[in-house]
N, C-alpha and C. Protein backbone atom coordinates (compact mmCIF):
# COMPACT_ATOMS: atom_id res chain seq x y z
N MET A 1 -59.35 -11.98 31.02
CA MET A 1 -58.00 -11.89 30.36
C MET A 1 -57.53 -13.24 29.59
N PHE A 2 -56.96 -13.07 28.51
CA PHE A 2 -56.77 -14.29 27.64
C PHE A 2 -55.08 -14.69 27.89
N HIS A 3 -55.18 -15.99 27.87
CA HIS A 3 -54.01 -16.80 28.36
C HIS A 3 -53.32 -17.26 27.29
N LYS A 4 -52.14 -17.22 27.33
CA LYS A 4 -51.35 -17.65 26.20
C LYS A 4 -51.40 -19.37 26.15
N PRO A 5 -51.62 -19.69 24.82
CA PRO A 5 -51.84 -21.21 24.87
C PRO A 5 -50.49 -21.75 24.62
N GLU A 6 -50.33 -23.03 24.70
CA GLU A 6 -48.90 -23.92 24.70
C GLU A 6 -48.55 -23.60 23.23
N ALA A 7 -49.39 -24.23 22.05
CA ALA A 7 -48.82 -24.08 20.94
C ALA A 7 -50.05 -23.69 20.10
N TRP A 8 -49.57 -22.63 19.05
CA TRP A 8 -50.57 -22.06 18.22
C TRP A 8 -50.34 -22.57 16.71
N THR A 9 -49.30 -23.21 16.78
CA THR A 9 -48.89 -23.47 15.15
C THR A 9 -49.03 -25.18 14.97
N PRO A 10 -49.47 -25.71 13.95
CA PRO A 10 -49.50 -27.22 14.14
C PRO A 10 -48.18 -27.72 14.30
N THR A 11 -47.85 -28.83 15.01
CA THR A 11 -46.65 -29.46 15.28
C THR A 11 -46.48 -30.89 14.50
N ILE A 12 -45.60 -31.06 14.03
CA ILE A 12 -45.50 -32.61 12.94
C ILE A 12 -45.14 -33.29 14.05
N HIS A 13 -45.78 -34.66 14.57
CA HIS A 13 -45.14 -35.64 15.35
C HIS A 13 -44.79 -36.79 14.39
N ASN A 14 -43.99 -37.51 15.13
CA ASN A 14 -43.30 -38.53 14.18
C ASN A 14 -44.45 -39.69 13.99
N SER A 15 -45.49 -39.78 14.79
CA SER A 15 -46.37 -40.74 14.35
C SER A 15 -47.33 -40.43 12.97
N ARG A 16 -47.36 -38.67 12.59
CA ARG A 16 -48.04 -38.34 11.68
C ARG A 16 -47.21 -38.77 10.00
N SER A 17 -48.20 -38.96 9.23
CA SER A 17 -47.60 -39.49 7.84
C SER A 17 -46.98 -38.57 7.09
N ARG A 18 -45.91 -39.04 6.15
CA ARG A 18 -45.29 -37.93 5.57
C ARG A 18 -46.13 -37.13 4.43
N LEU A 19 -47.43 -37.64 4.13
CA LEU A 19 -48.34 -36.79 3.31
C LEU A 19 -48.91 -35.59 4.39
N ASN A 20 -49.01 -35.65 5.51
CA ASN A 20 -49.48 -34.63 6.10
C ASN A 20 -48.21 -33.58 6.60
N THR A 21 -47.16 -34.15 6.31
CA THR A 21 -46.00 -33.47 6.69
C THR A 21 -45.83 -32.07 5.48
N LEU A 22 -46.01 -33.03 4.66
CA LEU A 22 -46.22 -32.44 2.86
C LEU A 22 -47.32 -31.12 2.90
N ILE A 23 -48.47 -31.79 3.41
CA ILE A 23 -49.56 -30.82 3.20
C ILE A 23 -49.38 -29.43 4.21
N LEU A 24 -48.83 -29.83 5.29
CA LEU A 24 -48.77 -28.76 6.41
C LEU A 24 -47.68 -27.73 5.83
N SER A 25 -46.51 -28.16 5.04
CA SER A 25 -45.56 -27.60 4.79
C SER A 25 -45.90 -26.87 3.40
N LEU A 26 -47.04 -26.82 2.76
CA LEU A 26 -47.35 -25.96 1.86
C LEU A 26 -47.73 -24.45 1.90
N PRO A 27 -46.96 -23.05 1.22
CA PRO A 27 -47.42 -22.10 1.50
C PRO A 27 -48.93 -21.47 1.77
N LEU A 28 -49.78 -22.13 1.31
CA LEU A 28 -51.08 -21.87 1.40
C LEU A 28 -51.73 -22.51 2.89
N VAL A 29 -51.27 -23.64 3.22
CA VAL A 29 -51.91 -23.92 4.31
C VAL A 29 -51.26 -23.30 5.82
N GLN A 30 -49.87 -22.87 5.21
CA GLN A 30 -49.08 -22.08 6.26
C GLN A 30 -49.70 -20.96 6.63
N ILE A 31 -50.22 -19.97 5.45
CA ILE A 31 -50.76 -19.00 5.50
C ILE A 31 -52.29 -18.94 6.13
N PHE A 32 -53.12 -19.94 5.78
CA PHE A 32 -54.56 -20.55 6.40
C PHE A 32 -54.28 -20.70 7.93
N THR A 33 -53.31 -21.37 8.20
CA THR A 33 -53.44 -21.75 9.54
C THR A 33 -52.91 -20.57 10.36
N SER A 34 -51.83 -19.78 9.93
CA SER A 34 -51.55 -18.60 10.53
C SER A 34 -52.70 -17.67 10.90
N ARG A 35 -53.52 -17.60 9.73
CA ARG A 35 -54.70 -16.74 9.90
C ARG A 35 -55.71 -17.15 10.81
N LEU A 36 -55.85 -18.64 10.77
CA LEU A 36 -56.68 -19.44 11.44
C LEU A 36 -56.51 -19.16 13.39
N ALA A 37 -55.03 -18.94 13.72
CA ALA A 37 -54.83 -18.44 14.83
C ALA A 37 -55.25 -17.14 15.36
N ASP A 38 -54.96 -16.20 14.35
CA ASP A 38 -55.09 -14.46 14.37
C ASP A 38 -56.50 -14.66 14.75
N ILE A 39 -57.81 -15.48 14.01
CA ILE A 39 -59.18 -15.44 13.95
C ILE A 39 -59.62 -15.96 15.22
N LEU A 40 -58.75 -17.09 15.86
CA LEU A 40 -59.29 -17.67 17.21
C LEU A 40 -58.87 -17.11 18.23
N THR A 41 -57.70 -16.21 18.28
CA THR A 41 -57.20 -15.40 19.22
C THR A 41 -57.88 -14.00 19.17
N MET A 42 -58.52 -13.61 18.16
CA MET A 42 -59.16 -12.31 17.88
C MET A 42 -58.10 -11.32 17.85
N GLY A 43 -57.25 -11.68 17.03
CA GLY A 43 -56.24 -10.79 16.72
C GLY A 43 -54.81 -10.88 17.48
N PHE A 44 -55.02 -11.54 18.64
CA PHE A 44 -53.79 -11.50 19.48
C PHE A 44 -53.14 -12.87 19.20
N VAL A 45 -51.70 -12.39 18.18
CA VAL A 45 -50.91 -13.12 18.24
C VAL A 45 -49.79 -13.31 19.05
N TRP A 46 -49.12 -14.45 19.25
CA TRP A 46 -47.94 -14.72 19.98
C TRP A 46 -46.95 -15.22 19.22
N SER A 47 -47.02 -15.82 18.20
CA SER A 47 -46.10 -16.27 17.39
C SER A 47 -45.73 -15.83 16.10
N PRO A 48 -44.57 -15.91 15.71
CA PRO A 48 -44.03 -15.01 14.61
C PRO A 48 -44.81 -15.54 13.25
N GLN A 49 -44.81 -14.75 12.34
CA GLN A 49 -45.43 -14.86 11.25
C GLN A 49 -45.15 -16.31 10.31
N VAL A 50 -45.86 -17.18 9.74
CA VAL A 50 -45.16 -17.89 9.01
C VAL A 50 -44.82 -17.74 7.51
N VAL A 51 -45.87 -16.64 6.95
CA VAL A 51 -45.64 -16.54 5.71
C VAL A 51 -44.08 -15.57 5.23
N PRO A 52 -43.61 -16.19 4.59
CA PRO A 52 -42.26 -15.29 4.34
C PRO A 52 -42.56 -13.63 3.40
N TYR A 53 -41.40 -13.09 3.72
CA TYR A 53 -41.97 -11.74 3.20
C TYR A 53 -42.01 -11.49 1.47
N VAL A 54 -42.75 -10.82 0.78
CA VAL A 54 -42.69 -10.95 -0.67
C VAL A 54 -42.68 -9.75 -1.00
N PRO A 55 -41.89 -8.80 -1.68
CA PRO A 55 -42.15 -7.64 -2.13
C PRO A 55 -43.29 -7.20 -2.60
N CYS A 56 -44.05 -6.03 -2.92
CA CYS A 56 -44.92 -5.75 -3.38
C CYS A 56 -45.31 -5.97 -4.98
N ASN A 57 -44.00 -5.59 -5.48
CA ASN A 57 -43.94 -5.59 -6.76
C ASN A 57 -43.54 -7.20 -7.45
N LYS A 58 -43.59 -8.22 -6.79
CA LYS A 58 -43.41 -9.32 -7.08
C LYS A 58 -44.36 -10.26 -6.72
N PRO A 59 -44.73 -11.25 -7.71
CA PRO A 59 -46.14 -12.06 -7.04
C PRO A 59 -45.40 -13.25 -6.40
N PRO A 60 -46.43 -13.83 -5.61
CA PRO A 60 -46.12 -14.57 -4.41
C PRO A 60 -45.98 -15.99 -4.97
N PRO A 61 -44.79 -16.80 -4.32
CA PRO A 61 -44.52 -17.84 -5.42
C PRO A 61 -45.85 -18.80 -5.44
N THR A 62 -46.09 -19.84 -6.54
CA THR A 62 -47.11 -20.45 -6.39
C THR A 62 -46.62 -21.98 -7.16
N ILE A 63 -47.55 -23.04 -6.98
CA ILE A 63 -47.40 -24.43 -7.30
C ILE A 63 -47.75 -24.28 -8.85
N PHE A 64 -48.54 -23.49 -9.13
CA PHE A 64 -49.42 -23.48 -10.29
C PHE A 64 -48.86 -23.13 -11.55
N ASP A 65 -48.61 -23.88 -12.76
CA ASP A 65 -48.07 -22.93 -13.83
C ASP A 65 -48.82 -22.23 -14.65
N ILE A 66 -48.77 -21.32 -15.01
CA ILE A 66 -49.45 -20.17 -15.78
C ILE A 66 -49.59 -20.72 -17.36
N GLN A 67 -50.92 -21.10 -17.87
CA GLN A 67 -50.97 -21.72 -19.09
C GLN A 67 -52.01 -20.76 -19.78
N CYS A 68 -51.80 -20.80 -21.04
CA CYS A 68 -52.41 -19.75 -22.03
C CYS A 68 -52.91 -20.57 -23.40
N HIS A 69 -54.14 -20.35 -23.84
CA HIS A 69 -54.36 -21.20 -25.12
C HIS A 69 -53.26 -21.06 -26.20
N PRO A 70 -53.02 -22.02 -26.90
CA PRO A 70 -51.81 -22.08 -27.91
C PRO A 70 -52.18 -21.22 -28.90
N ARG A 71 -53.49 -20.98 -29.04
CA ARG A 71 -54.14 -20.14 -30.52
C ARG A 71 -54.34 -18.34 -29.76
N ALA A 72 -53.86 -18.33 -28.75
CA ALA A 72 -54.34 -16.91 -27.98
C ALA A 72 -53.95 -15.70 -28.90
N ASP A 73 -52.83 -15.84 -29.75
CA ASP A 73 -52.60 -14.78 -30.29
C ASP A 73 -53.39 -14.50 -31.62
N ALA A 74 -53.56 -15.65 -32.18
CA ALA A 74 -54.61 -15.57 -33.32
C ALA A 74 -56.14 -15.06 -32.84
N VAL A 75 -56.53 -15.66 -31.44
CA VAL A 75 -57.76 -15.23 -31.27
C VAL A 75 -57.91 -13.62 -30.94
N CYS A 76 -56.80 -13.51 -30.26
CA CYS A 76 -56.69 -11.75 -29.71
C CYS A 76 -56.84 -11.04 -30.76
N ALA A 77 -55.96 -11.35 -31.91
CA ALA A 77 -55.98 -10.36 -32.97
C ALA A 77 -57.32 -10.64 -33.48
N GLU A 78 -57.73 -11.51 -33.85
CA GLU A 78 -59.28 -11.44 -34.62
C GLU A 78 -60.44 -10.64 -33.84
N LEU A 79 -60.32 -11.00 -32.60
CA LEU A 79 -61.31 -10.31 -31.86
C LEU A 79 -60.80 -8.94 -31.58
N ASP A 80 -59.60 -8.21 -31.52
CA ASP A 80 -59.37 -7.04 -31.64
C ASP A 80 -59.82 -6.27 -32.79
N SER A 81 -59.57 -6.89 -33.85
CA SER A 81 -60.22 -6.36 -35.07
C SER A 81 -61.57 -6.35 -35.35
N PHE A 82 -62.39 -7.08 -34.60
CA PHE A 82 -63.76 -7.39 -34.70
C PHE A 82 -64.37 -6.25 -34.04
N PHE A 83 -64.20 -6.27 -32.75
CA PHE A 83 -64.46 -4.98 -31.73
C PHE A 83 -63.88 -3.77 -32.28
N MET A 84 -62.62 -3.46 -32.59
CA MET A 84 -62.47 -2.08 -33.14
C MET A 84 -63.44 -1.79 -34.47
N LYS A 85 -63.69 -2.55 -35.20
CA LYS A 85 -64.35 -2.40 -36.15
C LYS A 85 -65.84 -2.05 -35.61
N HIS A 86 -66.48 -3.06 -34.84
CA HIS A 86 -67.96 -3.01 -34.65
C HIS A 86 -68.46 -2.12 -33.56
N TRP A 87 -67.73 -2.15 -32.38
CA TRP A 87 -68.02 -1.50 -31.34
C TRP A 87 -68.05 -0.07 -31.02
N PRO A 88 -69.04 0.71 -30.48
CA PRO A 88 -69.25 2.13 -30.89
C PRO A 88 -68.33 2.94 -29.63
N PHE A 89 -66.77 2.62 -29.71
CA PHE A 89 -66.37 3.48 -28.60
C PHE A 89 -66.83 5.04 -28.82
N LYS A 90 -67.17 5.73 -27.58
CA LYS A 90 -67.31 6.97 -27.48
C LYS A 90 -66.07 8.03 -27.92
N TYR A 91 -64.92 7.51 -27.35
CA TYR A 91 -63.59 8.30 -27.61
C TYR A 91 -62.54 7.76 -28.17
N GLN A 92 -61.55 8.04 -28.64
CA GLN A 92 -60.40 7.80 -29.10
C GLN A 92 -59.65 7.00 -27.90
N LYS A 93 -59.82 7.48 -26.70
CA LYS A 93 -59.00 7.18 -25.50
C LYS A 93 -59.43 5.61 -25.04
N ASP A 94 -60.93 5.71 -25.26
CA ASP A 94 -61.44 4.58 -24.87
C ASP A 94 -61.22 3.21 -25.68
N ARG A 95 -61.01 3.56 -27.14
CA ARG A 95 -61.00 2.11 -27.99
C ARG A 95 -58.98 2.01 -27.80
N ASN A 96 -58.32 3.13 -27.52
CA ASN A 96 -56.83 2.88 -27.07
C ASN A 96 -56.70 1.79 -25.91
N ARG A 97 -57.77 2.18 -24.85
CA ARG A 97 -57.56 1.55 -23.55
C ARG A 97 -57.86 0.35 -24.06
N PHE A 98 -59.15 -0.02 -24.49
CA PHE A 98 -59.51 -1.52 -24.67
C PHE A 98 -58.55 -2.29 -25.50
N PHE A 99 -57.80 -1.58 -26.56
CA PHE A 99 -56.52 -2.56 -27.25
C PHE A 99 -55.71 -2.54 -26.42
N THR A 100 -55.16 -1.75 -25.47
CA THR A 100 -53.84 -1.70 -24.55
C THR A 100 -54.12 -2.91 -23.59
N SER A 101 -55.62 -2.84 -23.10
CA SER A 101 -55.44 -3.92 -21.99
C SER A 101 -55.68 -5.01 -22.20
N GLN A 102 -55.92 -5.85 -23.37
CA GLN A 102 -55.90 -7.11 -23.56
C GLN A 102 -56.74 -7.99 -22.98
N THR A 103 -58.27 -7.27 -23.00
CA THR A 103 -59.28 -8.32 -22.35
C THR A 103 -59.58 -9.44 -23.07
N ASN A 104 -59.24 -9.65 -24.40
CA ASN A 104 -59.48 -10.84 -24.83
C ASN A 104 -58.37 -11.97 -24.27
N ARG A 105 -57.11 -11.51 -23.85
CA ARG A 105 -56.51 -12.45 -23.47
C ARG A 105 -56.83 -12.89 -21.92
N TRP A 106 -57.47 -12.29 -21.07
CA TRP A 106 -57.90 -12.93 -20.12
C TRP A 106 -58.70 -14.29 -20.28
N GLY A 107 -59.44 -14.31 -21.47
CA GLY A 107 -60.21 -15.41 -21.77
C GLY A 107 -59.22 -16.69 -22.05
N CYS A 108 -58.32 -16.42 -22.93
CA CYS A 108 -57.19 -17.25 -23.29
C CYS A 108 -56.55 -17.98 -22.04
N LEU A 109 -56.58 -17.29 -21.08
CA LEU A 109 -55.84 -17.43 -19.81
C LEU A 109 -56.84 -18.34 -18.86
N ALA A 110 -57.89 -17.91 -19.08
CA ALA A 110 -58.87 -18.61 -18.19
C ALA A 110 -59.44 -20.09 -18.68
N PHE A 111 -59.09 -20.34 -19.87
CA PHE A 111 -59.44 -21.48 -20.67
C PHE A 111 -58.38 -22.04 -21.44
N PRO A 112 -57.24 -22.11 -20.93
CA PRO A 112 -55.93 -22.70 -21.84
C PRO A 112 -56.37 -24.01 -22.36
N MET A 113 -57.11 -24.99 -22.29
CA MET A 113 -57.64 -26.19 -22.91
C MET A 113 -58.51 -26.26 -23.44
N ALA A 114 -59.61 -24.96 -23.90
CA ALA A 114 -60.59 -25.24 -24.76
C ALA A 114 -60.41 -25.61 -25.96
N ASP A 115 -61.42 -26.27 -26.43
CA ASP A 115 -61.63 -26.56 -27.91
C ASP A 115 -61.38 -25.35 -28.93
N ASP A 116 -60.77 -25.76 -29.90
CA ASP A 116 -60.70 -24.42 -30.73
C ASP A 116 -61.65 -23.71 -31.28
N ASP A 117 -62.78 -24.84 -31.60
CA ASP A 117 -64.12 -24.27 -32.34
C ASP A 117 -64.66 -23.36 -31.06
N ARG A 118 -64.78 -23.61 -29.94
CA ARG A 118 -65.24 -23.09 -29.01
C ARG A 118 -64.59 -21.77 -28.51
N LEU A 119 -63.33 -21.54 -28.26
CA LEU A 119 -62.56 -20.60 -27.61
C LEU A 119 -62.91 -19.10 -28.20
N LEU A 120 -62.97 -19.17 -29.64
CA LEU A 120 -63.25 -17.82 -30.09
C LEU A 120 -64.71 -17.10 -29.68
N ASP A 121 -65.80 -18.16 -29.58
CA ASP A 121 -67.10 -17.49 -29.22
C ASP A 121 -67.03 -17.49 -27.73
N THR A 122 -66.26 -18.10 -26.84
CA THR A 122 -66.34 -17.99 -25.35
C THR A 122 -65.39 -16.76 -25.16
N VAL A 123 -64.43 -16.53 -25.54
CA VAL A 123 -63.75 -15.10 -25.47
C VAL A 123 -64.41 -13.70 -25.99
N LYS A 124 -65.30 -14.18 -27.06
CA LYS A 124 -65.99 -13.01 -27.53
C LYS A 124 -67.17 -12.63 -26.78
N VAL A 125 -67.68 -13.41 -26.02
CA VAL A 125 -68.78 -13.49 -25.13
C VAL A 125 -68.38 -12.66 -23.98
N ASN A 126 -67.23 -12.96 -23.38
CA ASN A 126 -66.52 -12.45 -22.06
C ASN A 126 -66.07 -11.30 -22.46
N THR A 127 -65.40 -10.69 -23.47
CA THR A 127 -65.13 -9.79 -24.22
C THR A 127 -66.41 -8.45 -24.23
N LEU A 128 -67.65 -9.20 -24.97
CA LEU A 128 -68.61 -8.29 -24.86
C LEU A 128 -69.18 -7.69 -23.51
N LEU A 129 -69.24 -8.88 -22.61
CA LEU A 129 -69.67 -8.59 -21.36
C LEU A 129 -68.80 -7.60 -20.50
N PHE A 130 -67.44 -7.42 -20.71
CA PHE A 130 -66.70 -6.52 -20.55
C PHE A 130 -66.75 -5.16 -20.72
N LEU A 131 -67.16 -5.22 -22.04
CA LEU A 131 -67.43 -3.92 -22.56
C LEU A 131 -68.84 -3.30 -22.34
N LEU A 132 -69.89 -4.12 -22.04
CA LEU A 132 -71.24 -3.60 -21.97
C LEU A 132 -70.85 -3.30 -20.07
N ASP A 133 -70.29 -3.75 -19.53
CA ASP A 133 -69.90 -3.35 -18.00
C ASP A 133 -69.46 -1.88 -18.21
N ASP A 134 -68.49 -1.46 -19.03
CA ASP A 134 -67.94 -0.35 -19.09
C ASP A 134 -69.14 0.66 -19.46
N VAL A 135 -69.84 0.40 -20.32
CA VAL A 135 -70.85 1.34 -20.85
C VAL A 135 -71.79 1.49 -19.79
N ALA A 136 -72.33 0.44 -19.05
CA ALA A 136 -73.32 0.70 -17.82
C ALA A 136 -72.68 1.40 -16.64
N GLU A 137 -71.29 1.69 -16.77
CA GLU A 137 -70.67 2.27 -15.58
C GLU A 137 -71.22 3.80 -16.00
N ASP A 138 -71.09 4.21 -17.00
CA ASP A 138 -71.64 5.51 -17.33
C ASP A 138 -73.08 6.05 -16.99
N MET A 139 -73.77 5.13 -17.15
CA MET A 139 -75.15 5.13 -16.85
C MET A 139 -75.70 5.49 -15.48
N SER A 140 -76.86 5.74 -15.24
CA SER A 140 -77.59 5.99 -14.25
C SER A 140 -77.94 4.47 -13.97
N LEU A 141 -78.61 4.07 -12.84
CA LEU A 141 -78.96 2.67 -12.71
C LEU A 141 -80.25 2.50 -13.24
N GLU A 142 -81.31 3.71 -13.61
CA GLU A 142 -82.66 3.14 -14.40
C GLU A 142 -81.94 2.98 -15.92
N GLU A 143 -80.95 3.66 -16.49
CA GLU A 143 -80.47 3.78 -17.83
C GLU A 143 -79.85 2.21 -17.83
N GLY A 144 -79.26 2.03 -16.92
CA GLY A 144 -78.55 0.67 -17.16
C GLY A 144 -79.64 -0.42 -16.92
N LYS A 145 -80.40 -0.45 -16.21
CA LYS A 145 -81.43 -1.49 -16.31
C LYS A 145 -82.44 -1.53 -17.51
N ARG A 146 -82.50 -0.47 -18.33
CA ARG A 146 -83.53 -0.26 -19.67
C ARG A 146 -82.54 -1.12 -20.55
N LEU A 147 -80.94 -0.74 -20.55
CA LEU A 147 -80.30 -1.38 -21.63
C LEU A 147 -80.25 -3.10 -21.31
N TYR A 148 -80.21 -3.41 -20.02
CA TYR A 148 -80.09 -4.76 -19.91
C TYR A 148 -81.26 -5.39 -20.06
N LYS A 149 -82.50 -4.46 -19.82
CA LYS A 149 -83.82 -5.22 -20.14
C LYS A 149 -83.76 -5.64 -21.56
N ARG A 150 -83.38 -4.58 -22.37
CA ARG A 150 -83.17 -4.97 -23.95
C ARG A 150 -82.58 -5.69 -24.26
N LEU A 151 -81.19 -5.95 -24.00
CA LEU A 151 -80.31 -6.77 -24.16
C LEU A 151 -80.58 -8.31 -23.78
N ILE A 152 -81.08 -8.90 -22.78
CA ILE A 152 -80.97 -10.09 -22.09
C ILE A 152 -82.18 -11.04 -23.00
N PRO A 153 -83.28 -10.41 -23.71
CA PRO A 153 -84.04 -11.18 -24.52
C PRO A 153 -83.49 -11.48 -25.68
N ILE A 154 -82.77 -10.70 -26.17
CA ILE A 154 -81.77 -10.52 -27.62
C ILE A 154 -80.83 -11.54 -27.24
N ALA A 155 -80.06 -11.47 -26.39
CA ALA A 155 -78.94 -12.46 -26.19
C ALA A 155 -79.60 -14.15 -25.75
N MET A 156 -80.88 -14.34 -25.20
CA MET A 156 -81.38 -15.32 -25.25
C MET A 156 -81.91 -15.78 -26.68
N GLY A 157 -82.18 -15.16 -27.61
CA GLY A 157 -82.75 -15.34 -28.75
C GLY A 157 -84.20 -15.25 -29.05
N LYS A 158 -84.76 -14.62 -27.90
CA LYS A 158 -86.49 -14.26 -27.69
C LYS A 158 -86.84 -13.08 -28.97
N ARG A 159 -85.74 -12.38 -29.20
CA ARG A 159 -86.32 -11.33 -29.79
C ARG A 159 -85.24 -10.79 -30.79
N LEU A 160 -85.68 -10.19 -31.58
CA LEU A 160 -84.55 -9.79 -32.83
C LEU A 160 -84.07 -8.17 -32.66
N PRO A 161 -82.80 -7.94 -33.07
CA PRO A 161 -82.34 -6.84 -32.54
C PRO A 161 -82.64 -5.62 -33.50
N ASN A 162 -82.56 -4.39 -33.19
CA ASN A 162 -82.58 -3.24 -34.03
C ASN A 162 -81.24 -3.12 -34.60
N ARG A 163 -81.08 -3.43 -35.82
CA ARG A 163 -79.71 -3.71 -36.42
C ARG A 163 -79.33 -2.10 -36.76
N SER A 164 -79.56 -0.91 -36.23
CA SER A 164 -79.09 0.21 -36.03
C SER A 164 -78.44 0.65 -35.07
N ASP A 165 -78.83 -0.24 -33.98
CA ASP A 165 -78.33 -0.21 -32.73
C ASP A 165 -77.08 -0.93 -32.60
N PRO A 166 -75.93 -0.41 -32.35
CA PRO A 166 -74.70 -1.46 -32.32
C PRO A 166 -74.56 -2.26 -30.84
N TYR A 167 -75.00 -1.93 -29.95
CA TYR A 167 -75.32 -2.97 -28.68
C TYR A 167 -76.10 -3.68 -28.94
N GLU A 168 -77.62 -3.58 -29.59
CA GLU A 168 -78.23 -4.76 -29.70
C GLU A 168 -77.78 -5.79 -30.58
N ARG A 169 -77.33 -5.11 -32.18
CA ARG A 169 -76.69 -6.00 -33.09
C ARG A 169 -75.55 -6.55 -32.57
N ILE A 170 -74.38 -6.05 -31.89
CA ILE A 170 -73.34 -7.17 -31.67
C ILE A 170 -73.75 -8.02 -30.67
N THR A 171 -74.82 -7.81 -29.65
CA THR A 171 -75.23 -8.77 -28.48
C THR A 171 -76.15 -10.04 -29.54
N TYR A 172 -76.77 -9.95 -30.40
CA TYR A 172 -77.33 -10.56 -31.22
C TYR A 172 -76.42 -11.67 -31.73
N ASP A 173 -75.49 -10.98 -32.47
CA ASP A 173 -74.39 -11.79 -33.27
C ASP A 173 -73.56 -12.52 -32.73
N VAL A 174 -73.07 -12.08 -31.45
CA VAL A 174 -72.25 -12.72 -30.52
C VAL A 174 -72.88 -13.99 -29.91
N TRP A 175 -74.11 -13.85 -29.39
CA TRP A 175 -74.93 -15.01 -28.73
C TRP A 175 -75.34 -16.16 -29.83
N THR A 176 -75.87 -15.43 -30.98
CA THR A 176 -76.03 -16.36 -31.71
C THR A 176 -75.11 -17.43 -32.35
N SER A 177 -74.03 -16.67 -32.58
CA SER A 177 -72.69 -17.48 -32.96
C SER A 177 -72.21 -18.60 -31.76
N MET A 178 -72.34 -18.03 -30.48
CA MET A 178 -72.15 -19.05 -29.24
C MET A 178 -73.18 -20.25 -29.23
N ARG A 179 -74.57 -20.04 -29.39
CA ARG A 179 -75.65 -20.92 -29.78
C ARG A 179 -75.30 -21.83 -30.79
N ALA A 180 -74.97 -21.48 -31.80
CA ALA A 180 -74.64 -22.01 -32.84
C ALA A 180 -73.39 -23.52 -32.81
N CYS A 181 -72.58 -22.88 -31.60
CA CYS A 181 -71.50 -23.78 -31.42
C CYS A 181 -71.91 -25.03 -30.81
N ASP A 182 -72.73 -24.51 -30.04
CA ASP A 182 -73.45 -25.90 -29.56
C ASP A 182 -74.18 -26.82 -30.10
N LYS A 183 -74.70 -26.52 -31.31
CA LYS A 183 -75.61 -27.34 -32.11
C LYS A 183 -74.86 -28.72 -32.86
């Protein structure tokens, strides 16, 4: 039989520092301590939740600022036109889905302070990997393995591509550009 403990949430005593009080008042710490209590009691919780209610359609409050690279619009436009021109989308709906999903913007959000000369190549590699993942989803495991066994040496610069194969050609060009950025 489980006995109700005296206290499940951390209490702030006068002898603790103001920093400790501040840390324990942060929402992330409150979530962690409430979940820790759940884990320690195997799901038996006797105290009310510390986390405030947040509607599903509204993101939870955060102490972080959302930042995007200042050149995000120009980089996204350039990469959209590059992949729209060179990538072999099977269907028009796939092309439209790529364009509306703004996959390129993710890289600009992930690296808001990247050097301008590296941002384009970084986001291009990232977008290429997203697109190759989409291609592999429609393949069997063996087909996917064969595709990646062909592309990995090309990406590493150990093998030249078959220029008539768009996957090999784009992989080679993107990774060659990325390696040139490091020189």
